[in-house]
Amino acid sequence: MKRAPLLVLAGTAAGFVGVLTFHTRPVSATTPGQAQPSAMPSASSAATSSAAAGPAAAGPTRAAAGSTLVRSAAGQIVQFGYGELNVRVTVNGSHITAVSVTDLQTAEPTSQQISEQAIPMLRSEVLSAQSANVNGISGATFTSRAYVQSLQAALDKLNVK
């Protein structure tokens, strides 16, 4: 019976050491662009992408794709509890064909990780729903709200409901 407290103490110490030695990947200011959801660009490509999404790219852009008109617009930069983000949407007529985050700045590593996990899920929901009326991601409430707000601003610029 005297060994039980010793085992509990050893287990607690092992758990404590495990938590202290846990390492996450280093955080850099990444900008999830039009890359695949699982691939995030490096910090150097983030600077290039942010520079490309400057004032000239803020409004709607148009490109002819066959006989239909493909339009793209960036929403407003939305500040949320742990950073800021900006969403760009591309539509073909009134059909949403692409959604990407052109600017993502986070205050801390945990927020970066949460955002990197939530953004591909939000993108998938938007493409399925074909609107900004999507469910938020549990555990990423602030990111979800900011994403939807910026997306809606971009859709408003394109006059898409």
Protein backbone atom coordinates (compact mmCIF):
# COMPACT_ATOMS: atom_id res chain seq x y z
CA MET A 1 0.00 0.00 0.00
CA LYS A 2 2.91 2.39 0.53
CA ARG A 3 3.98 2.02 -3.13
CA ALA A 4 0.81 3.65 -4.53
CA PRO A 5 1.78 7.22 -3.52
CA LEU A 6 5.27 6.62 -4.93
CA LEU A 7 3.80 5.55 -8.29
CA VAL A 8 1.48 8.55 -8.36
CA LEU A 9 4.39 10.87 -7.61
CA ALA A 10 6.55 9.25 -10.31
CA GLY A 11 3.72 9.48 -12.84
CA THR A 12 3.12 13.12 -12.01
CA ALA A 13 6.83 13.90 -12.34
CA ALA A 14 6.99 12.09 -15.71
CA GLY A 15 3.97 14.02 -16.96
CA PHE A 16 5.44 17.30 -15.79
CA VAL A 17 8.73 16.57 -17.58
CA GLY A 18 6.79 15.64 -20.72
CA VAL A 19 4.93 18.97 -20.70
CA LEU A 20 8.12 20.95 -20.13
CA THR A 21 9.94 19.22 -22.99
CA PHE A 22 7.07 19.55 -25.46
CA HIS A 23 8.12 21.62 -28.45
CA THR A 24 5.95 23.07 -31.15
CA ARG A 25 7.21 24.06 -34.54
CA PRO A 26 8.67 27.55 -34.76
CA VAL A 27 6.23 30.26 -35.74
CA SER A 28 6.82 32.72 -38.52
CA ALA A 29 4.52 35.28 -40.05
CA THR A 30 3.01 33.14 -42.77
CA THR A 31 0.46 34.12 -45.30
CA PRO A 32 -1.75 31.28 -46.46
CA GLY A 33 -2.28 32.19 -50.06
CA GLN A 34 -3.56 30.12 -52.90
CA ALA A 35 -1.41 27.19 -51.85
CA GLN A 36 -2.98 23.87 -51.01
CA PRO A 37 -4.57 23.91 -47.55
CA SER A 38 -1.90 21.62 -46.11
CA ALA A 39 1.02 23.64 -47.50
CA MET A 40 1.83 26.98 -45.91
CA PRO A 41 4.36 29.25 -47.65
CA SER A 42 7.53 30.40 -45.95
CA ALA A 43 8.02 33.81 -44.40
CA SER A 44 9.92 35.06 -47.46
CA SER A 45 7.03 34.20 -49.77
CA ALA A 46 4.67 35.83 -47.25
CA ALA A 47 6.40 39.16 -47.77
CA THR A 48 6.12 38.78 -51.54
CA SER A 49 2.46 37.81 -51.27
CA SER A 50 1.67 40.70 -48.94
CA ALA A 51 3.41 43.14 -51.26
CA ALA A 52 1.39 41.82 -54.18
CA ALA A 53 -1.83 42.30 -52.22
CA GLY A 54 -1.17 46.00 -51.68
CA PRO A 55 -3.53 48.88 -52.45
CA ALA A 56 -3.84 48.03 -56.13
CA ALA A 57 -5.10 44.54 -55.28
CA ALA A 58 -7.63 45.75 -52.71
CA GLY A 59 -10.46 46.29 -55.18
CA PRO A 60 -12.16 43.86 -57.53
CA THR A 61 -10.09 42.47 -60.35
CA ARG A 62 -11.42 40.90 -63.51
CA ALA A 63 -10.01 38.28 -65.84
CA ALA A 64 -11.73 36.75 -68.84
CA ALA A 65 -12.06 32.98 -68.61
CA GLY A 66 -13.63 31.79 -71.84
CA SER A 67 -17.03 33.38 -72.26
CA THR A 68 -17.63 33.93 -68.52
CA LEU A 69 -16.21 36.67 -66.35
CA VAL A 70 -14.05 35.69 -63.39
CA ARG A 71 -13.84 38.39 -60.75
CA SER A 72 -11.79 38.64 -57.59
CA ALA A 73 -11.79 41.01 -54.61
CA ALA A 74 -10.13 41.29 -51.24
CA GLY A 75 -12.18 41.98 -48.15
CA GLN A 76 -11.21 44.42 -45.47
CA ILE A 77 -8.41 43.63 -43.04
CA VAL A 78 -10.21 42.49 -39.90
CA GLN A 79 -8.62 42.61 -36.48
CA PHE A 80 -9.61 39.82 -34.12
CA GLY A 81 -8.62 38.98 -30.56
CA TYR A 82 -5.24 37.52 -31.51
CA GLY A 83 -4.22 39.25 -34.74
CA GLU A 84 -5.62 40.30 -38.09
CA LEU A 85 -6.49 38.70 -41.39
CA ASN A 86 -7.68 39.54 -44.87
CA VAL A 87 -9.61 37.25 -47.24
CA ARG A 88 -9.62 37.29 -51.06
CA VAL A 89 -12.47 35.63 -52.94
CA THR A 90 -12.74 34.70 -56.62
CA VAL A 91 -16.11 34.22 -58.26
CA ASN A 92 -17.24 33.05 -61.66
CA GLY A 93 -20.59 34.72 -62.16
CA SER A 94 -22.12 34.22 -58.72
CA HIS A 95 -20.29 30.93 -58.05
CA ILE A 96 -17.46 31.14 -55.49
CA THR A 97 -14.49 29.35 -57.05
CA ALA A 98 -11.64 30.24 -54.68
CA VAL A 99 -11.10 31.72 -51.25
CA SER A 100 -7.70 32.51 -49.78
CA VAL A 101 -6.24 34.45 -46.89
CA THR A 102 -3.91 37.09 -48.29
CA ASP A 103 -2.79 38.52 -44.96
CA LEU A 104 -2.55 36.76 -41.61
CA GLN A 105 -0.78 38.34 -38.66
CA THR A 106 -1.00 36.68 -35.26
CA ALA A 107 0.18 37.83 -31.85
CA GLU A 108 1.44 34.50 -30.55
CA PRO A 109 2.43 31.00 -31.72
CA THR A 110 -0.71 29.34 -30.42
CA SER A 111 -2.92 31.73 -32.37
CA GLN A 112 -0.87 31.04 -35.51
CA GLN A 113 -1.40 27.29 -35.12
CA ILE A 114 -5.12 27.66 -34.46
CA SER A 115 -5.54 29.92 -37.49
CA GLU A 116 -3.54 27.59 -39.74
CA GLN A 117 -5.83 24.72 -38.75
CA ALA A 118 -9.09 26.68 -38.97
CA ILE A 119 -8.54 28.51 -42.27
CA PRO A 120 -8.58 25.42 -44.53
CA MET A 121 -11.75 24.23 -42.77
CA LEU A 122 -13.41 27.61 -43.21
CA ARG A 123 -12.37 27.67 -46.88
CA SER A 124 -13.95 24.27 -47.40
CA GLU A 125 -17.19 25.35 -45.72
CA VAL A 126 -17.40 28.52 -47.83
CA LEU A 127 -16.87 26.59 -51.07
CA SER A 128 -19.54 24.07 -50.03
CA ALA A 129 -22.07 26.68 -48.87
CA GLN A 130 -21.28 29.13 -51.69
CA SER A 131 -21.77 32.02 -49.26
CA ALA A 132 -20.36 33.60 -46.11
CA ASN A 133 -23.14 31.96 -44.10
CA VAL A 134 -21.02 29.18 -42.57
CA ASN A 135 -20.52 27.68 -39.14
CA GLY A 136 -17.53 28.85 -37.14
CA ILE A 137 -14.78 26.43 -36.18
CA SER A 138 -14.89 25.33 -32.56
CA GLY A 139 -11.80 26.56 -30.76
CA ALA A 140 -11.22 29.26 -33.39
CA THR A 141 -14.18 31.53 -32.77
CA PHE A 142 -12.32 34.82 -33.20
CA THR A 143 -10.55 33.62 -36.35
CA SER A 144 -13.84 32.33 -37.77
CA ARG A 145 -15.66 35.60 -37.14
CA ALA A 146 -12.86 37.67 -38.69
CA TYR A 147 -12.68 35.33 -41.71
CA VAL A 148 -16.42 35.56 -42.35
CA GLN A 149 -16.43 39.35 -41.87
CA SER A 150 -13.61 39.87 -44.38
CA LEU A 151 -15.17 37.35 -46.79
CA GLN A 152 -18.52 39.13 -46.65
CA ALA A 153 -16.83 42.46 -47.38
CA ALA A 154 -15.17 40.94 -50.46
CA LEU A 155 -18.47 39.41 -51.63
CA ASP A 156 -20.16 42.80 -51.15
CA LYS A 157 -17.52 44.43 -53.36
CA LEU A 158 -18.38 41.88 -56.07
CA ASN A 159 -22.15 42.25 -55.50
CA VAL A 160 -22.47 38.54 -54.75
CA LYS A 161 -24.99 37.39 -52.18
